[in-house]
Amino acid sequence: MSEFILSNLETVPGREIVSWKGLVQGNTVRAKHVGRDIMAGLKNIVGGELRGYTELLEDARGQATERMIDEARSMGANAVVNVRFSTSSVAQGASELYVYGTAVVLD
């Protein structure tokens, strides 16, 4: 598989954008696990990182990013610039992680 570049900048330093392909996006909706909710409740009392939720968000970010990259590749792009992430609550106990950017072809 060829190199694929993601950048949160509008350009990629040292590379020229030769073609703009358009907006690409990826998302996933994840529900919380009851066991994680119980542990999160305890952590809220004593403080500390909610590792179960951290892992959940890391997995969601990876899946959403892969979906965005797949869409960009299908358009013939080899990079996505101006990448942004967003999260939102879509239902009680479920959150969406959304990633988007502009698919481009670099020299």
PDB file of N, CA and C in Angstrom:
ATOM      1  N   MET A   1       0.839  -1.174   0.000  1.00  0.00           N
ATOM      2  CA  MET A   1       0.000   0.000   0.000  1.00  0.00           C
ATOM      3  C   MET A   1       0.891   1.246   0.000  1.00  0.00           C
ATOM      4  N   SER A   2       0.564   2.239  -0.797  1.00  0.00           N
ATOM      5  CA  SER A   2       1.391   3.427  -0.925  1.00  0.00           C
ATOM      6  C   SER A   2       1.216   4.360   0.272  1.00  0.00           C
ATOM      7  N   GLU A   3       2.199   5.245   0.422  1.00  0.00           N
ATOM      8  CA  GLU A   3       2.183   6.222   1.510  1.00  0.00           C
ATOM      9  C   GLU A   3       0.940   7.102   1.417  1.00  0.00           C
ATOM     10  N   PHE A   4       0.329   7.343   2.559  1.00  0.00           N
ATOM     11  CA  PHE A   4      -0.823   8.238   2.620  1.00  0.00           C
ATOM     12  C   PHE A   4      -0.545   9.249   3.713  1.00  0.00           C
ATOM     13  N   ILE A   5      -0.742  10.534   3.404  1.00  0.00           N
ATOM     14  CA  ILE A   5      -0.401  11.600   4.345  1.00  0.00           C
ATOM     15  C   ILE A   5      -1.660  12.266   4.872  1.00  0.00           C
ATOM     16  N   LEU A   6      -1.678  12.474   6.189  1.00  0.00           N
ATOM     17  CA  LEU A   6      -2.724  13.260   6.840  1.00  0.00           C
ATOM     18  C   LEU A   6      -2.068  14.487   7.443  1.00  0.00           C
ATOM     19  N   SER A   7      -2.715  15.635   7.289  1.00  0.00           N
ATOM     20  CA  SER A   7      -2.176  16.872   7.849  1.00  0.00           C
ATOM     21  C   SER A   7      -3.301  17.731   8.395  1.00  0.00           C
ATOM     22  N   ASN A   8      -3.068  18.307   9.571  1.00  0.00           N
ATOM     23  CA  ASN A   8      -4.059  19.248  10.092  1.00  0.00           C
ATOM     24  C   ASN A   8      -3.826  20.654   9.542  1.00  0.00           C
ATOM     25  N   LEU A   9      -2.793  20.813   8.732  1.00  0.00           N
ATOM     26  CA  LEU A   9      -2.518  22.086   8.062  1.00  0.00           C
ATOM     27  C   LEU A   9      -3.251  22.129   6.725  1.00  0.00           C
ATOM     28  N   GLU A  10      -3.305  23.310   6.123  1.00  0.00           N
ATOM     29  CA  GLU A  10      -3.942  23.440   4.808  1.00  0.00           C
ATOM     30  C   GLU A  10      -3.040  22.960   3.683  1.00  0.00           C
ATOM     31  N   THR A  11      -1.785  22.723   3.992  1.00  0.00           N
ATOM     32  CA  THR A  11      -0.811  22.224   3.022  1.00  0.00           C
ATOM     33  C   THR A  11       0.052  21.175   3.709  1.00  0.00           C
ATOM     34  N   VAL A  12       0.944  20.567   2.940  1.00  0.00           N
ATOM     35  CA  VAL A  12       1.938  19.650   3.498  1.00  0.00           C
ATOM     36  C   VAL A  12       3.294  20.285   3.227  1.00  0.00           C
ATOM     37  N   PRO A  13       4.006  20.692   4.269  1.00  0.00           N
ATOM     38  CA  PRO A  13       5.298  21.349   4.067  1.00  0.00           C
ATOM     39  C   PRO A  13       6.232  20.524   3.180  1.00  0.00           C
ATOM     40  N   GLY A  14       6.822  21.192   2.201  1.00  0.00           N
ATOM     41  CA  GLY A  14       7.756  20.541   1.296  1.00  0.00           C
ATOM     42  C   GLY A  14       7.109  19.790   0.147  1.00  0.00           C
ATOM     43  N   ARG A  15       5.782  19.803   0.087  1.00  0.00           N
ATOM     44  CA  ARG A  15       5.069  19.113  -0.992  1.00  0.00           C
ATOM     45  C   ARG A  15       4.116  20.093  -1.657  1.00  0.00           C
ATOM     46  N   GLU A  16       3.857  19.865  -2.935  1.00  0.00           N
ATOM     47  CA  GLU A  16       2.921  20.712  -3.672  1.00  0.00           C
ATOM     48  C   GLU A  16       1.624  19.953  -3.923  1.00  0.00           C
ATOM     49  N   ILE A  17       0.506  20.631  -3.710  1.00  0.00           N
ATOM     50  CA  ILE A  17      -0.794  20.047  -4.027  1.00  0.00           C
ATOM     51  C   ILE A  17      -1.034  20.254  -5.517  1.00  0.00           C
ATOM     52  N   VAL A  18      -1.184  19.152  -6.251  1.00  0.00           N
ATOM     53  CA  VAL A  18      -1.369  19.252  -7.701  1.00  0.00           C
ATOM     54  C   VAL A  18      -2.830  19.089  -8.109  1.00  0.00           C
ATOM     55  N   SER A  19      -3.655  18.550  -7.197  1.00  0.00           N
ATOM     56  CA  SER A  19      -5.068  18.365  -7.513  1.00  0.00           C
ATOM     57  C   SER A  19      -5.880  18.312  -6.225  1.00  0.00           C
ATOM     58  N   TRP A  20      -7.009  19.009  -6.232  1.00  0.00           N
ATOM     59  CA  TRP A  20      -7.944  19.005  -5.105  1.00  0.00           C
ATOM     60  C   TRP A  20      -9.090  18.074  -5.464  1.00  0.00           C
ATOM     61  N   LYS A  21      -9.370  17.082  -4.630  1.00  0.00           N
ATOM     62  CA  LYS A  21     -10.412  16.092  -4.912  1.00  0.00           C
ATOM     63  C   LYS A  21     -11.731  16.385  -4.211  1.00  0.00           C
ATOM     64  N   GLY A  22     -11.684  17.068  -3.077  1.00  0.00           N
ATOM     65  CA  GLY A  22     -12.924  17.416  -2.388  1.00  0.00           C
ATOM     66  C   GLY A  22     -12.976  16.942  -0.948  1.00  0.00           C
ATOM     67  N   LEU A  23     -14.104  17.216  -0.326  1.00  0.00           N
ATOM     68  CA  LEU A  23     -14.338  16.873   1.070  1.00  0.00           C
ATOM     69  C   LEU A  23     -14.440  15.361   1.248  1.00  0.00           C
ATOM     70  N   VAL A  24     -13.765  14.862   2.265  1.00  0.00           N
ATOM     71  CA  VAL A  24     -13.897  13.459   2.656  1.00  0.00           C
ATOM     72  C   VAL A  24     -14.198  13.407   4.144  1.00  0.00           C
ATOM     73  N   GLN A  25     -14.837  12.322   4.551  1.00  0.00           N
ATOM     74  CA  GLN A  25     -15.233  12.223   5.949  1.00  0.00           C
ATOM     75  C   GLN A  25     -15.293  10.769   6.383  1.00  0.00           C
ATOM     76  N   GLY A  26     -15.263  10.590   7.674  1.00  0.00           N
ATOM     77  CA  GLY A  26     -15.433   9.269   8.261  1.00  0.00           C
ATOM     78  C   GLY A  26     -16.051   9.450   9.631  1.00  0.00           C
ATOM     79  N   ASN A  27     -16.846   8.493  10.041  1.00  0.00           N
ATOM     80  CA  ASN A  27     -17.426   8.593  11.374  1.00  0.00           C
ATOM     81  C   ASN A  27     -17.693   7.212  11.943  1.00  0.00           C
ATOM     82  N   THR A  28     -17.935   7.180  13.226  1.00  0.00           N
ATOM     83  CA  THR A  28     -18.370   5.977  13.913  1.00  0.00           C
ATOM     84  C   THR A  28     -19.152   6.409  15.139  1.00  0.00           C
ATOM     85  N   VAL A  29     -20.141   5.630  15.491  1.00  0.00           N
ATOM     86  CA  VAL A  29     -20.921   5.881  16.704  1.00  0.00           C
ATOM     87  C   VAL A  29     -20.643   4.725  17.650  1.00  0.00           C
ATOM     88  N   ARG A  30     -20.265   5.062  18.854  1.00  0.00           N
ATOM     89  CA  ARG A  30     -19.930   4.048  19.847  1.00  0.00           C
ATOM     90  C   ARG A  30     -20.798   4.208  21.084  1.00  0.00           C
ATOM     91  N   ALA A  31     -21.200   3.080  21.639  1.00  0.00           N
ATOM     92  CA  ALA A  31     -21.985   3.075  22.875  1.00  0.00           C
ATOM     93  C   ALA A  31     -21.078   2.695  24.041  1.00  0.00           C
ATOM     94  N   LYS A  32     -21.377   3.257  25.179  1.00  0.00           N
ATOM     95  CA  LYS A  32     -20.614   2.946  26.383  1.00  0.00           C
ATOM     96  C   LYS A  32     -20.996   1.559  26.888  1.00  0.00           C
ATOM     97  N   HIS A  33     -20.055   0.914  27.523  1.00  0.00           N
ATOM     98  CA  HIS A  33     -20.252  -0.400  28.133  1.00  0.00           C
ATOM     99  C   HIS A  33     -20.677  -0.197  29.582  1.00  0.00           C
ATOM    100  N   VAL A  34     -21.644  -0.974  30.052  1.00  0.00           N
ATOM    101  CA  VAL A  34     -22.164  -0.824  31.416  1.00  0.00           C
ATOM    102  C   VAL A  34     -21.045  -0.919  32.448  1.00  0.00           C
ATOM    103  N   GLY A  35     -20.138  -1.861  32.273  1.00  0.00           N
ATOM    104  CA  GLY A  35     -19.010  -2.004  33.200  1.00  0.00           C
ATOM    105  C   GLY A  35     -18.141  -0.758  33.230  1.00  0.00           C
ATOM    106  N   ARG A  36     -17.948  -0.151  32.068  1.00  0.00           N
ATOM    107  CA  ARG A  36     -17.167   1.088  32.007  1.00  0.00           C
ATOM    108  C   ARG A  36     -17.894   2.214  32.724  1.00  0.00           C
ATOM    109  N   ASP A  37     -19.212   2.245  32.608  1.00  0.00           N
ATOM    110  CA  ASP A  37     -19.992   3.276  33.297  1.00  0.00           C
ATOM    111  C   ASP A  37     -19.837   3.176  34.805  1.00  0.00           C
ATOM    112  N   ILE A  38     -19.845   1.959  35.320  1.00  0.00           N
ATOM    113  CA  ILE A  38     -19.684   1.769  36.768  1.00  0.00           C
ATOM    114  C   ILE A  38     -18.313   2.255  37.210  1.00  0.00           C
ATOM    115  N   MET A  39     -17.272   1.855  36.484  1.00  0.00           N
ATOM    116  CA  MET A  39     -15.914   2.291  36.827  1.00  0.00           C
ATOM    117  C   MET A  39     -15.762   3.797  36.667  1.00  0.00           C
ATOM    118  N   ALA A  40     -16.390   4.368  35.648  1.00  0.00           N
ATOM    119  CA  ALA A  40     -16.323   5.816  35.442  1.00  0.00           C
ATOM    120  C   ALA A  40     -16.971   6.539  36.609  1.00  0.00           C
ATOM    121  N   GLY A  41     -18.076   5.998  37.108  1.00  0.00           N
ATOM    122  CA  GLY A  41     -18.731   6.602  38.265  1.00  0.00           C
ATOM    123  C   GLY A  41     -17.819   6.619  39.469  1.00  0.00           C
ATOM    124  N   LEU A  42     -17.085   5.531  39.684  1.00  0.00           N
ATOM    125  CA  LEU A  42     -16.139   5.482  40.801  1.00  0.00           C
ATOM    126  C   LEU A  42     -14.995   6.469  40.594  1.00  0.00           C
ATOM    127  N   LYS A  43     -14.481   6.551  39.374  1.00  0.00           N
ATOM    128  CA  LYS A  43     -13.391   7.490  39.080  1.00  0.00           C
ATOM    129  C   LYS A  43     -13.841   8.933  39.267  1.00  0.00           C
ATOM    130  N   ASN A  44     -15.101   9.217  38.963  1.00  0.00           N
ATOM    131  CA  ASN A  44     -15.613  10.572  39.167  1.00  0.00           C
ATOM    132  C   ASN A  44     -15.576  10.954  40.636  1.00  0.00           C
ATOM    133  N   ILE A  45     -15.703   9.979  41.509  1.00  0.00           N
ATOM    134  CA  ILE A  45     -15.665  10.248  42.945  1.00  0.00           C
ATOM    135  C   ILE A  45     -14.234  10.484  43.411  1.00  0.00           C
ATOM    136  N   VAL A  46     -13.305   9.616  42.990  1.00  0.00           N
ATOM    137  CA  VAL A  46     -11.926   9.695  43.481  1.00  0.00           C
ATOM    138  C   VAL A  46     -10.991  10.432  42.529  1.00  0.00           C
ATOM    139  N   GLY A  47     -11.404  10.673  41.312  1.00  0.00           N
ATOM    140  CA  GLY A  47     -10.568  11.365  40.329  1.00  0.00           C
ATOM    141  C   GLY A  47      -9.685  10.401  39.562  1.00  0.00           C
ATOM    142  N   GLY A  48      -9.128  10.859  38.463  1.00  0.00           N
ATOM    143  CA  GLY A  48      -8.233  10.047  37.653  1.00  0.00           C
ATOM    144  C   GLY A  48      -8.746   9.867  36.240  1.00  0.00           C
ATOM    145  N   GLU A  49      -7.875   9.302  35.416  1.00  0.00           N
ATOM    146  CA  GLU A  49      -8.215   9.076  34.006  1.00  0.00           C
ATOM    147  C   GLU A  49      -9.230   7.951  33.873  1.00  0.00           C
ATOM    148  N   LEU A  50     -10.160   8.138  32.986  1.00  0.00           N
ATOM    149  CA  LEU A  50     -11.152   7.109  32.677  1.00  0.00           C
ATOM    150  C   LEU A  50     -10.602   6.282  31.518  1.00  0.00           C
ATOM    151  N   ARG A  51      -9.742   5.322  31.822  1.00  0.00           N
ATOM    152  CA  ARG A  51      -9.007   4.584  30.787  1.00  0.00           C
ATOM    153  C   ARG A  51      -9.918   3.848  29.814  1.00  0.00           C
ATOM    154  N   GLY A  52     -11.017   3.304  30.315  1.00  0.00           N
ATOM    155  CA  GLY A  52     -11.942   2.603  29.422  1.00  0.00           C
ATOM    156  C   GLY A  52     -12.479   3.519  28.344  1.00  0.00           C
ATOM    157  N   TYR A  53     -12.799   4.752  28.723  1.00  0.00           N
ATOM    158  CA  TYR A  53     -13.305   5.717  27.748  1.00  0.00           C
ATOM    159  C   TYR A  53     -12.189   6.217  26.839  1.00  0.00           C
ATOM    160  N   THR A  54     -10.987   6.354  27.387  1.00  0.00           N
ATOM    161  CA  THR A  54      -9.849   6.754  26.561  1.00  0.00           C
ATOM    162  C   THR A  54      -9.625   5.726  25.454  1.00  0.00           C
ATOM    163  N   GLU A  55      -9.646   4.447  25.813  1.00  0.00           N
ATOM    164  CA  GLU A  55      -9.473   3.382  24.816  1.00  0.00           C
ATOM    165  C   GLU A  55     -10.609   3.388  23.802  1.00  0.00           C
ATOM    166  N   LEU A  56     -11.828   3.608  24.275  1.00  0.00           N
ATOM    167  CA  LEU A  56     -12.989   3.660  23.387  1.00  0.00           C
ATOM    168  C   LEU A  56     -12.821   4.772  22.349  1.00  0.00           C
ATOM    169  N   LEU A  57     -12.390   5.953  22.797  1.00  0.00           N
ATOM    170  CA  LEU A  57     -12.198   7.075  21.871  1.00  0.00           C
ATOM    171  C   LEU A  57     -11.027   6.839  20.922  1.00  0.00           C
ATOM    172  N   GLU A  58      -9.954   6.222  21.413  1.00  0.00           N
ATOM    173  CA  GLU A  58      -8.822   5.910  20.531  1.00  0.00           C
ATOM    174  C   GLU A  58      -9.253   4.961  19.417  1.00  0.00           C
ATOM    175  N   ASP A  59     -10.003   3.924  19.779  1.00  0.00           N
ATOM    176  CA  ASP A  59     -10.496   2.975  18.773  1.00  0.00           C
ATOM    177  C   ASP A  59     -11.427   3.670  17.777  1.00  0.00           C
ATOM    178  N   ALA A  60     -12.320   4.509  18.294  1.00  0.00           N
ATOM    179  CA  ALA A  60     -13.264   5.225  17.430  1.00  0.00           C
ATOM    180  C   ALA A  60     -12.524   6.166  16.486  1.00  0.00           C
ATOM    181  N   ARG A  61     -11.517   6.879  17.007  1.00  0.00           N
ATOM    182  CA  ARG A  61     -10.742   7.798  16.174  1.00  0.00           C
ATOM    183  C   ARG A  61     -10.042   7.041  15.051  1.00  0.00           C
ATOM    184  N   GLY A  62      -9.473   5.886  15.378  1.00  0.00           N
ATOM    185  CA  GLY A  62      -8.802   5.076  14.362  1.00  0.00           C
ATOM    186  C   GLY A  62      -9.753   4.592  13.284  1.00  0.00           C
ATOM    187  N   GLN A  63     -10.922   4.106  13.688  1.00  0.00           N
ATOM    188  CA  GLN A  63     -11.891   3.603  12.710  1.00  0.00           C
ATOM    189  C   GLN A  63     -12.425   4.727  11.825  1.00  0.00           C
ATOM    190  N   ALA A  64     -12.767   5.862  12.415  1.00  0.00           N
ATOM    191  CA  ALA A  64     -13.275   6.990  11.631  1.00  0.00           C
ATOM    192  C   ALA A  64     -12.213   7.485  10.648  1.00  0.00           C
ATOM    193  N   THR A  65     -10.963   7.545  11.102  1.00  0.00           N
ATOM    194  CA  THR A  65      -9.870   7.996  10.234  1.00  0.00           C
ATOM    195  C   THR A  65      -9.675   7.029   9.071  1.00  0.00           C
ATOM    196  N   GLU A  66      -9.713   5.737   9.330  1.00  0.00           N
ATOM    197  CA  GLU A  66      -9.575   4.752   8.253  1.00  0.00           C
ATOM    198  C   GLU A  66     -10.698   4.888   7.231  1.00  0.00           C
ATOM    199  N   ARG A  67     -11.897   5.150   7.693  1.00  0.00           N
ATOM    200  CA  ARG A  67     -13.020   5.339   6.766  1.00  0.00           C
ATOM    201  C   ARG A  67     -12.810   6.579   5.896  1.00  0.00           C
ATOM    202  N   MET A  68     -12.279   7.646   6.487  1.00  0.00           N
ATOM    203  CA  MET A  68     -11.999   8.859   5.719  1.00  0.00           C
ATOM    204  C   MET A  68     -10.905   8.583   4.676  1.00  0.00           C
ATOM    205  N   ILE A  69      -9.853   7.886   5.087  1.00  0.00           N
ATOM    206  CA  ILE A  69      -8.763   7.558   4.167  1.00  0.00           C
ATOM    207  C   ILE A  69      -9.275   6.686   3.020  1.00  0.00           C
ATOM    208  N   ASP A  70     -10.113   5.704   3.326  1.00  0.00           N
ATOM    209  CA  ASP A  70     -10.681   4.847   2.275  1.00  0.00           C
ATOM    210  C   ASP A  70     -11.457   5.674   1.253  1.00  0.00           C
ATOM    211  N   GLU A  71     -12.236   6.645   1.737  1.00  0.00           N
ATOM    212  CA  GLU A  71     -12.990   7.507   0.821  1.00  0.00           C
ATOM    213  C   GLU A  71     -12.041   8.336  -0.037  1.00  0.00           C
ATOM    214  N   ALA A  72     -10.990   8.882   0.584  1.00  0.00           N
ATOM    215  CA  ALA A  72     -10.021   9.695  -0.157  1.00  0.00           C
ATOM    216  C   ALA A  72      -9.307   8.860  -1.224  1.00  0.00           C
ATOM    217  N   ARG A  73      -8.891   7.660  -0.872  1.00  0.00           N
ATOM    218  CA  ARG A  73      -8.223   6.778  -1.844  1.00  0.00           C
ATOM    219  C   ARG A  73      -9.148   6.462  -3.018  1.00  0.00           C
ATOM    220  N   SER A  74     -10.442   6.266  -2.725  1.00  0.00           N
ATOM    221  CA  SER A  74     -11.391   5.949  -3.805  1.00  0.00           C
ATOM    222  C   SER A  74     -11.544   7.116  -4.777  1.00  0.00           C
ATOM    223  N   MET A  75     -11.169   8.317  -4.341  1.00  0.00           N
ATOM    224  CA  MET A  75     -11.217   9.505  -5.201  1.00  0.00           C
ATOM    225  C   MET A  75      -9.887   9.733  -5.916  1.00  0.00           C
ATOM    226  N   GLY A  76      -8.891   8.884  -5.636  1.00  0.00           N
ATOM    227  CA  GLY A  76      -7.583   9.025  -6.261  1.00  0.00           C
ATOM    228  C   GLY A  76      -6.622   9.908  -5.497  1.00  0.00           C
ATOM    229  N   ALA A  77      -6.931  10.247  -4.262  1.00  0.00           N
ATOM    230  CA  ALA A  77      -6.072  11.117  -3.451  1.00  0.00           C
ATOM    231  C   ALA A  77      -4.958  10.312  -2.785  1.00  0.00           C
ATOM    232  N   ASN A  78      -3.861  11.007  -2.464  1.00  0.00           N
ATOM    233  CA  ASN A  78      -2.794  10.382  -1.685  1.00  0.00           C
ATOM    234  C   ASN A  78      -2.534  11.138  -0.383  1.00  0.00           C
ATOM    235  N   ALA A  79      -3.440  12.074  -0.068  1.00  0.00           N
ATOM    236  CA  ALA A  79      -3.318  12.827   1.186  1.00  0.00           C
ATOM    237  C   ALA A  79      -4.655  13.468   1.532  1.00  0.00           C
ATOM    238  N   VAL A  80      -4.804  13.793   2.808  1.00  0.00           N
ATOM    239  CA  VAL A  80      -5.934  14.601   3.265  1.00  0.00           C
ATOM    240  C   VAL A  80      -5.351  15.731   4.092  1.00  0.00           C
ATOM    241  N   VAL A  81      -5.714  16.954   3.735  1.00  0.00           N
ATOM    242  CA  VAL A  81      -5.239  18.130   4.461  1.00  0.00           C
ATOM    243  C   VAL A  81      -6.392  18.759   5.237  1.00  0.00           C
ATOM    244  N   ASN A  82      -6.008  19.637   6.160  1.00  0.00           N
ATOM    245  CA  ASN A  82      -6.983  20.361   6.981  1.00  0.00           C
ATOM    246  C   ASN A  82      -7.891  19.386   7.747  1.00  0.00           C
ATOM    247  N   VAL A  83      -7.288  18.326   8.291  1.00  0.00           N
ATOM    248  CA  VAL A  83      -8.035  17.294   9.008  1.00  0.00           C
ATOM    249  C   VAL A  83      -8.540  17.839  10.344  1.00  0.00           C
ATOM    250  N   ARG A  84      -9.810  17.570  10.626  1.00  0.00           N
ATOM    251  CA  ARG A  84     -10.447  18.011  11.871  1.00  0.00           C
ATOM    252  C   ARG A  84     -11.250  16.862  12.459  1.00  0.00           C
ATOM    253  N   PHE A  85     -11.293  16.815  13.787  1.00  0.00           N
ATOM    254  CA  PHE A  85     -12.079  15.826  14.517  1.00  0.00           C
ATOM    255  C   PHE A  85     -13.169  16.519  15.305  1.00  0.00           C
ATOM    256  N   SER A  86     -14.288  15.835  15.456  1.00  0.00           N
ATOM    257  CA  SER A  86     -15.401  16.363  16.239  1.00  0.00           C
ATOM    258  C   SER A  86     -16.082  15.195  16.944  1.00  0.00           C
ATOM    259  N   THR A  87     -16.595  15.454  18.127  1.00  0.00           N
ATOM    260  CA  THR A  87     -17.381  14.446  18.831  1.00  0.00           C
ATOM    261  C   THR A  87     -18.723  15.046  19.199  1.00  0.00           C
ATOM    262  N   SER A  88     -19.720  14.188  19.277  1.00  0.00           N
ATOM    263  CA  SER A  88     -21.037  14.647  19.705  1.00  0.00           C
ATOM    264  C   SER A  88     -21.800  13.487  20.321  1.00  0.00           C
ATOM    265  N   SER A  89     -22.714  13.822  21.189  1.00  0.00           N
ATOM    266  CA  SER A  89     -23.585  12.826  21.797  1.00  0.00           C
ATOM    267  C   SER A  89     -24.789  12.654  20.884  1.00  0.00           C
ATOM    268  N   VAL A  90     -25.063  11.417  20.469  1.00  0.00           N
ATOM    269  CA  VAL A  90     -26.181  11.179  19.551  1.00  0.00           C
ATOM    270  C   VAL A  90     -27.360  10.505  20.237  1.00  0.00           C
ATOM    271  N   ALA A  91     -27.112   9.892  21.373  1.00  0.00           N
ATOM    272  CA  ALA A  91     -28.165   9.250  22.165  1.00  0.00           C
ATOM    273  C   ALA A  91     -27.603   9.046  23.563  1.00  0.00           C
ATOM    274  N   GLN A  92     -28.461   8.751  24.503  1.00  0.00           N
ATOM    275  CA  GLN A  92     -27.973   8.509  25.854  1.00  0.00           C
ATOM    276  C   GLN A  92     -27.031   7.311  25.834  1.00  0.00           C
ATOM    277  N   GLY A  93     -25.802   7.547  26.243  1.00  0.00           N
ATOM    278  CA  GLY A  93     -24.821   6.471  26.284  1.00  0.00           C
ATOM    279  C   GLY A  93     -24.109   6.206  24.976  1.00  0.00           C
ATOM    280  N   ALA A  94     -24.364   6.999  23.934  1.00  0.00           N
ATOM    281  CA  ALA A  94     -23.699   6.791  22.644  1.00  0.00           C
ATOM    282  C   ALA A  94     -23.147   8.113  22.119  1.00  0.00           C
ATOM    283  N   SER A  95     -21.946   8.043  21.566  1.00  0.00           N
ATOM    284  CA  SER A  95     -21.296   9.233  21.020  1.00  0.00           C
ATOM    285  C   SER A  95     -20.793   8.963  19.613  1.00  0.00           C
ATOM    286  N   GLU A  96     -20.780  10.016  18.810  1.00  0.00           N
ATOM    287  CA  GLU A  96     -20.244   9.934  17.454  1.00  0.00           C
ATOM    288  C   GLU A  96     -18.886  10.611  17.430  1.00  0.00           C
ATOM    289  N   LEU A  97     -17.933   9.981  16.751  1.00  0.00           N
ATOM    290  CA  LEU A  97     -16.666  10.618  16.455  1.00  0.00           C
ATOM    291  C   LEU A  97     -16.649  10.820  14.947  1.00  0.00           C
ATOM    292  N   TYR A  98     -16.434  12.056  14.531  1.00  0.00           N
ATOM    293  CA  TYR A  98     -16.501  12.449  13.128  1.00  0.00           C
ATOM    294  C   TYR A  98     -15.179  13.094  12.752  1.00  0.00           C
ATOM    295  N   VAL A  99     -14.606  12.692  11.626  1.00  0.00           N
ATOM    296  CA  VAL A  99     -13.374  13.283  11.126  1.00  0.00           C
ATOM    297  C   VAL A  99     -13.604  13.694   9.678  1.00  0.00           C
ATOM    298  N   TYR A 100     -13.044  14.837   9.298  1.00  0.00           N
ATOM    299  CA  TYR A 100     -13.214  15.310   7.928  1.00  0.00           C
ATOM    300  C   TYR A 100     -11.997  16.113   7.501  1.00  0.00           C
ATOM    301  N   GLY A 101     -11.858  16.268   6.199  1.00  0.00           N
ATOM    302  CA  GLY A 101     -10.757  17.031   5.641  1.00  0.00           C
ATOM    303  C   GLY A 101     -10.930  17.143   4.134  1.00  0.00           C
ATOM    304  N   THR A 102      -9.894  17.651   3.482  1.00  0.00           N
ATOM    305  CA  THR A 102      -9.914  17.819   2.032  1.00  0.00           C
ATOM    306  C   THR A 102      -8.946  16.829   1.395  1.00  0.00           C
ATOM    307  N   ALA A 103      -9.470  15.985   0.519  1.00  0.00           N
ATOM    308  CA  ALA A 103      -8.642  15.009  -0.193  1.00  0.00           C
ATOM    309  C   ALA A 103      -7.883  15.728  -1.305  1.00  0.00           C
ATOM    310  N   VAL A 104      -6.584  15.438  -1.397  1.00  0.00           N
ATOM    311  CA  VAL A 104      -5.736  16.074  -2.406  1.00  0.00           C
ATOM    312  C   VAL A 104      -4.756  15.059  -2.979  1.00  0.00           C
ATOM    313  N   VAL A 105      -4.157  15.445  -4.101  1.00  0.00           N
ATOM    314  CA  VAL A 105      -3.047  14.686  -4.675  1.00  0.00           C
ATOM    315  C   VAL A 105      -1.804  15.544  -4.520  1.00  0.00           C
ATOM    316  N   LEU A 106      -0.790  14.971  -3.883  1.00  0.00           N
ATOM    317  CA  LEU A 106       0.491  15.657  -3.710  1.00  0.00           C
ATOM    318  C   LEU A 106       1.470  15.202  -4.778  1.00  0.00           C
ATOM    319  N   ASP A 107       2.439  16.087  -5.105  1.00  0.00           N
ATOM    320  CA  ASP A 107       3.486  15.719  -6.066  1.00  0.00           C
ATOM    321  C   ASP A 107       4.356  14.621  -5.508  1.00  0.00           C
TER     322      ASP A 107
END
